[in-house]
């Protein structure tokens, strides 16, 4: 099983959207998600601002617009155990990646990536911008970036793990 963790700052906008979008794309590709399945998909935040809170309403509305329901997800903080438990820990931006690198044990550093590094059709775009302080259009932009990176990451794990 491949375990995948999406990470942003508060785990209420970008990372739960990435969790939902990737789960949706994987399901459409016939890849099953869960503890006894092909993949296990989760999300977390580097800060514990919103513990157990659902995703931001704007993130939920944006995802629903594209047929992805993230309303049942709950925010949690990235834990030290996550570094050993997950195969891929995908940061939405460089700031969160930097925080992760400082806390991650050396033997697990190879698991840390910028999520957008998997987006094959987005040259020059390295981060998913944080829409939290913006308008609904900013959530649409973040969703578009997440969708692109999810497609590339799905292709990556399909090739690497023969899924």
C-alpha atoms as a PDB file:
ATOM      1  CA  UNK A   1       0.000   0.000   0.000  1.00  0.00           C
ATOM      2  CA  UNK A   2       1.157   3.529  -0.832  1.00  0.00           C
ATOM      3  CA  UNK A   3       0.451   6.094   1.896  1.00  0.00           C
ATOM      4  CA  UNK A   4       0.108   9.714   0.779  1.00  0.00           C
ATOM      5  CA  UNK A   5      -0.156  12.817   2.971  1.00  0.00           C
ATOM      6  CA  UNK A   6      -0.987  16.295   1.668  1.00  0.00           C
ATOM      7  CA  UNK A   7       0.189  19.177   3.873  1.00  0.00           C
ATOM      8  CA  UNK A   8      -0.544  22.900   4.097  1.00  0.00           C
ATOM      9  CA  UNK A   9      -0.537  25.336   7.012  1.00  0.00           C
ATOM     10  CA  UNK A  10      -3.927  24.911   8.702  1.00  0.00           C
ATOM     11  CA  UNK A  11      -5.389  21.861   6.927  1.00  0.00           C
ATOM     12  CA  UNK A  12      -8.651  23.613   6.056  1.00  0.00           C
ATOM     13  CA  UNK A  13      -8.122  24.832   2.469  1.00  0.00           C
ATOM     14  CA  UNK A  14      -5.416  23.405   0.232  1.00  0.00           C
ATOM     15  CA  UNK A  15      -4.477  20.067   1.786  1.00  0.00           C
ATOM     16  CA  UNK A  16      -8.041  18.794   2.342  1.00  0.00           C
ATOM     17  CA  UNK A  17      -8.848  19.891  -1.212  1.00  0.00           C
ATOM     18  CA  UNK A  18      -5.812  17.944  -2.440  1.00  0.00           C
ATOM     19  CA  UNK A  19      -6.885  14.926  -0.381  1.00  0.00           C
ATOM     20  CA  UNK A  20     -10.367  15.025  -1.889  1.00  0.00           C
ATOM     21  CA  UNK A  21      -9.269  15.719  -5.464  1.00  0.00           C
ATOM     22  CA  UNK A  22      -6.606  13.030  -5.425  1.00  0.00           C
ATOM     23  CA  UNK A  23      -8.972  10.497  -3.853  1.00  0.00           C
ATOM     24  CA  UNK A  24     -11.552  11.332  -6.555  1.00  0.00           C
ATOM     25  CA  UNK A  25      -9.015  10.969  -9.388  1.00  0.00           C
ATOM     26  CA  UNK A  26      -7.594   7.746  -7.947  1.00  0.00           C
ATOM     27  CA  UNK A  27     -11.084   6.287  -7.624  1.00  0.00           C
ATOM     28  CA  UNK A  28     -11.885   7.163 -11.241  1.00  0.00           C
ATOM     29  CA  UNK A  29      -8.669   5.337 -12.207  1.00  0.00           C
ATOM     30  CA  UNK A  30      -9.791   2.236 -10.302  1.00  0.00           C
ATOM     31  CA  UNK A  31      -7.391   2.758  -7.394  1.00  0.00           C
ATOM     32  CA  UNK A  32      -9.027   2.047  -4.052  1.00  0.00           C
ATOM     33  CA  UNK A  33      -8.344   4.173  -0.968  1.00  0.00           C
ATOM     34  CA  UNK A  34      -8.328   2.893   2.599  1.00  0.00           C
ATOM     35  CA  UNK A  35      -6.259   1.020   5.168  1.00  0.00           C
ATOM     36  CA  UNK A  36      -6.665  -2.323   3.339  1.00  0.00           C
ATOM     37  CA  UNK A  37      -6.576  -0.986  -0.219  1.00  0.00           C
ATOM     38  CA  UNK A  38      -4.089   0.209  -2.882  1.00  0.00           C
ATOM     39  CA  UNK A  39      -3.480   3.631  -1.325  1.00  0.00           C
ATOM     40  CA  UNK A  40      -4.187   5.505   1.878  1.00  0.00           C
ATOM     41  CA  UNK A  41      -4.775   9.233   1.381  1.00  0.00           C
ATOM     42  CA  UNK A  42      -4.798  11.810   4.189  1.00  0.00           C
ATOM     43  CA  UNK A  43      -4.031  15.471   4.875  1.00  0.00           C
ATOM     44  CA  UNK A  44      -2.611  17.540   7.714  1.00  0.00           C
ATOM     45  CA  UNK A  45      -1.399  21.014   8.613  1.00  0.00           C
ATOM     46  CA  UNK A  46       1.962  22.144   9.935  1.00  0.00           C
ATOM     47  CA  UNK A  47       0.108  24.326  12.457  1.00  0.00           C
ATOM     48  CA  UNK A  48      -2.697  23.273  14.760  1.00  0.00           C
ATOM     49  CA  UNK A  49      -4.898  26.346  14.294  1.00  0.00           C
ATOM     50  CA  UNK A  50      -8.073  24.494  13.310  1.00  0.00           C
ATOM     51  CA  UNK A  51      -7.891  21.057  14.954  1.00  0.00           C
ATOM     52  CA  UNK A  52     -10.935  18.887  14.123  1.00  0.00           C
ATOM     53  CA  UNK A  53     -12.536  21.688  12.076  1.00  0.00           C
ATOM     54  CA  UNK A  54     -14.077  20.904   8.679  1.00  0.00           C
ATOM     55  CA  UNK A  55     -12.556  22.450   5.564  1.00  0.00           C
ATOM     56  CA  UNK A  56     -13.239  26.121   4.901  1.00  0.00           C
ATOM     57  CA  UNK A  57     -16.716  26.580   3.393  1.00  0.00           C
ATOM     58  CA  UNK A  58     -15.217  28.215   0.301  1.00  0.00           C
ATOM     59  CA  UNK A  59     -12.946  25.210  -0.235  1.00  0.00           C
ATOM     60  CA  UNK A  60     -15.924  22.896   0.164  1.00  0.00           C
ATOM     61  CA  UNK A  61     -18.037  24.893  -2.313  1.00  0.00           C
ATOM     62  CA  UNK A  62     -15.232  25.001  -4.863  1.00  0.00           C
ATOM     63  CA  UNK A  63     -14.607  21.264  -4.614  1.00  0.00           C
ATOM     64  CA  UNK A  64     -18.336  20.501  -4.873  1.00  0.00           C
ATOM     65  CA  UNK A  65     -18.490  22.588  -8.040  1.00  0.00           C
ATOM     66  CA  UNK A  66     -16.182  19.948  -9.574  1.00  0.00           C
ATOM     67  CA  UNK A  67     -17.960  16.953  -8.045  1.00  0.00           C
ATOM     68  CA  UNK A  68     -15.628  16.449  -5.070  1.00  0.00           C
ATOM     69  CA  UNK A  69     -17.114  16.370  -1.566  1.00  0.00           C
ATOM     70  CA  UNK A  70     -14.618  17.214   1.182  1.00  0.00           C
ATOM     71  CA  UNK A  71     -17.187  18.173   3.825  1.00  0.00           C
ATOM     72  CA  UNK A  72     -16.526  15.162   6.046  1.00  0.00           C
ATOM     73  CA  UNK A  73     -12.792  15.830   6.444  1.00  0.00           C
ATOM     74  CA  UNK A  74     -11.423  17.177   9.728  1.00  0.00           C
ATOM     75  CA  UNK A  75      -8.260  19.226  10.249  1.00  0.00           C
ATOM     76  CA  UNK A  76      -5.349  17.702  12.085  1.00  0.00           C
ATOM     77  CA  UNK A  77      -1.765  18.676  12.774  1.00  0.00           C
ATOM     78  CA  UNK A  78       1.193  16.939  11.166  1.00  0.00           C
ATOM     79  CA  UNK A  79       2.738  14.561  13.703  1.00  0.00           C
ATOM     80  CA  UNK A  80       6.228  13.151  14.095  1.00  0.00           C
ATOM     81  CA  UNK A  81       4.805   9.676  13.360  1.00  0.00           C
ATOM     82  CA  UNK A  82       3.568  10.870   9.958  1.00  0.00           C
ATOM     83  CA  UNK A  83       7.154  11.063   8.712  1.00  0.00           C
ATOM     84  CA  UNK A  84       7.621   7.331   9.237  1.00  0.00           C
ATOM     85  CA  UNK A  85       4.042   6.285   8.414  1.00  0.00           C
ATOM     86  CA  UNK A  86       3.690   7.866   4.956  1.00  0.00           C
ATOM     87  CA  UNK A  87       5.542   7.147   1.699  1.00  0.00           C
ATOM     88  CA  UNK A  88       4.879  10.623   0.256  1.00  0.00           C
ATOM     89  CA  UNK A  89       4.432  13.845   2.214  1.00  0.00           C
ATOM     90  CA  UNK A  90       3.436  16.549  -0.248  1.00  0.00           C
ATOM     91  CA  UNK A  91       3.698  20.213   0.749  1.00  0.00           C
ATOM     92  CA  UNK A  92       1.536  22.853  -0.893  1.00  0.00           C
ATOM     93  CA  UNK A  93       4.255  25.526  -0.680  1.00  0.00           C
ATOM     94  CA  UNK A  94       7.905  26.146   0.136  1.00  0.00           C
ATOM     95  CA  UNK A  95       7.211  27.580   3.600  1.00  0.00           C
ATOM     96  CA  UNK A  96       5.449  24.429   4.754  1.00  0.00           C
ATOM     97  CA  UNK A  97       8.084  22.267   3.091  1.00  0.00           C
ATOM     98  CA  UNK A  98      10.750  24.162   5.047  1.00  0.00           C
ATOM     99  CA  UNK A  99       8.894  23.566   8.331  1.00  0.00           C
ATOM    100  CA  UNK A 100       8.551  19.886   7.451  1.00  0.00           C
ATOM    101  CA  UNK A 101      12.244  19.541   6.587  1.00  0.00           C
ATOM    102  CA  UNK A 102      13.265  20.997   9.957  1.00  0.00           C
ATOM    103  CA  UNK A 103      11.112  18.523  11.895  1.00  0.00           C
ATOM    104  CA  UNK A 104      11.529  15.440   9.726  1.00  0.00           C
ATOM    105  CA  UNK A 105      14.078  12.839  10.819  1.00  0.00           C
ATOM    106  CA  UNK A 106      16.965  12.503   8.364  1.00  0.00           C
ATOM    107  CA  UNK A 107      15.995   8.960   7.314  1.00  0.00           C
ATOM    108  CA  UNK A 108      12.608  10.207   6.045  1.00  0.00           C
ATOM    109  CA  UNK A 109      13.683  13.419   4.252  1.00  0.00           C
ATOM    110  CA  UNK A 110      13.401  11.637   0.885  1.00  0.00           C
ATOM    111  CA  UNK A 111       9.606  11.451   1.334  1.00  0.00           C
ATOM    112  CA  UNK A 112       9.118  15.249   1.284  1.00  0.00           C
ATOM    113  CA  UNK A 113       8.090  16.943  -1.966  1.00  0.00           C
ATOM    114  CA  UNK A 114       6.471  20.088  -3.245  1.00  0.00           C
ATOM    115  CA  UNK A 115       3.138  18.871  -4.606  1.00  0.00           C
ATOM    116  CA  UNK A 116       3.339  21.057  -7.712  1.00  0.00           C
ATOM    117  CA  UNK A 117       6.569  19.323  -8.732  1.00  0.00           C
ATOM    118  CA  UNK A 118       4.314  16.551 -10.078  1.00  0.00           C
ATOM    119  CA  UNK A 119       2.238  18.895 -12.272  1.00  0.00           C
ATOM    120  CA  UNK A 120       3.509  18.160 -15.750  1.00  0.00           C
ATOM    121  CA  UNK A 121       1.468  20.863 -17.474  1.00  0.00           C
ATOM    122  CA  UNK A 122       2.366  23.788 -15.193  1.00  0.00           C
ATOM    123  CA  UNK A 123       5.893  24.942 -16.018  1.00  0.00           C
ATOM    124  CA  UNK A 124       7.215  27.516 -13.578  1.00  0.00           C
ATOM    125  CA  UNK A 125       4.452  26.977 -11.011  1.00  0.00           C
ATOM    126  CA  UNK A 126       6.025  25.547  -7.882  1.00  0.00           C
ATOM    127  CA  UNK A 127       3.399  26.228  -5.206  1.00  0.00           C
ATOM    128  CA  UNK A 128      -0.331  26.051  -4.612  1.00  0.00           C
ATOM    129  CA  UNK A 129      -1.187  29.597  -3.450  1.00  0.00           C
ATOM    130  CA  UNK A 130      -2.995  29.880  -0.115  1.00  0.00           C
ATOM    131  CA  UNK A 131      -6.534  31.134  -0.834  1.00  0.00           C
ATOM    132  CA  UNK A 132      -7.547  31.601   2.817  1.00  0.00           C
ATOM    133  CA  UNK A 133      -7.389  35.414   2.903  1.00  0.00           C
ATOM    134  CA  UNK A 134      -8.655  35.791  -0.655  1.00  0.00           C
ATOM    135  CA  UNK A 135     -11.904  35.596  -2.561  1.00  0.00           C
ATOM    136  CA  UNK A 136     -13.707  32.605  -4.073  1.00  0.00           C
ATOM    137  CA  UNK A 137     -11.679  33.093  -7.277  1.00  0.00           C
ATOM    138  CA  UNK A 138      -8.543  32.336  -5.267  1.00  0.00           C
ATOM    139  CA  UNK A 139     -10.074  28.998  -4.230  1.00  0.00           C
ATOM    140  CA  UNK A 140     -10.819  28.270  -7.902  1.00  0.00           C
ATOM    141  CA  UNK A 141      -7.168  28.987  -8.782  1.00  0.00           C
ATOM    142  CA  UNK A 142      -5.898  26.773  -5.962  1.00  0.00           C
ATOM    143  CA  UNK A 143      -8.282  24.008  -7.067  1.00  0.00           C
ATOM    144  CA  UNK A 144      -6.977  24.234 -10.637  1.00  0.00           C
ATOM    145  CA  UNK A 145      -3.359  23.895  -9.460  1.00  0.00           C
ATOM    146  CA  UNK A 146      -4.291  20.995  -7.169  1.00  0.00           C
ATOM    147  CA  UNK A 147      -6.124  19.261  -9.997  1.00  0.00           C
ATOM    148  CA  UNK A 148      -3.069  19.548 -12.276  1.00  0.00           C
ATOM    149  CA  UNK A 149      -0.659  18.295  -9.614  1.00  0.00           C
ATOM    150  CA  UNK A 150      -3.027  15.442  -8.722  1.00  0.00           C
ATOM    151  CA  UNK A 151      -3.085  14.256 -12.328  1.00  0.00           C
ATOM    152  CA  UNK A 152       0.703  14.224 -12.493  1.00  0.00           C
ATOM    153  CA  UNK A 153       1.079  12.561  -9.106  1.00  0.00           C
ATOM    154  CA  UNK A 154      -1.496   9.913 -10.011  1.00  0.00           C
ATOM    155  CA  UNK A 155       0.479   9.115 -13.149  1.00  0.00           C
ATOM    156  CA  UNK A 156       3.669   8.954 -11.055  1.00  0.00           C
ATOM    157  CA  UNK A 157       2.329   6.404  -8.578  1.00  0.00           C
ATOM    158  CA  UNK A 158       0.601   4.384 -11.302  1.00  0.00           C
ATOM    159  CA  UNK A 159       3.952   3.999 -13.055  1.00  0.00           C
ATOM    160  CA  UNK A 160       6.067   3.454  -9.947  1.00  0.00           C
ATOM    161  CA  UNK A 161       3.718   1.031  -8.165  1.00  0.00           C
ATOM    162  CA  UNK A 162       2.028  -0.542 -11.194  1.00  0.00           C
ATOM    163  CA  UNK A 163      -1.439   0.549 -10.024  1.00  0.00           C
END
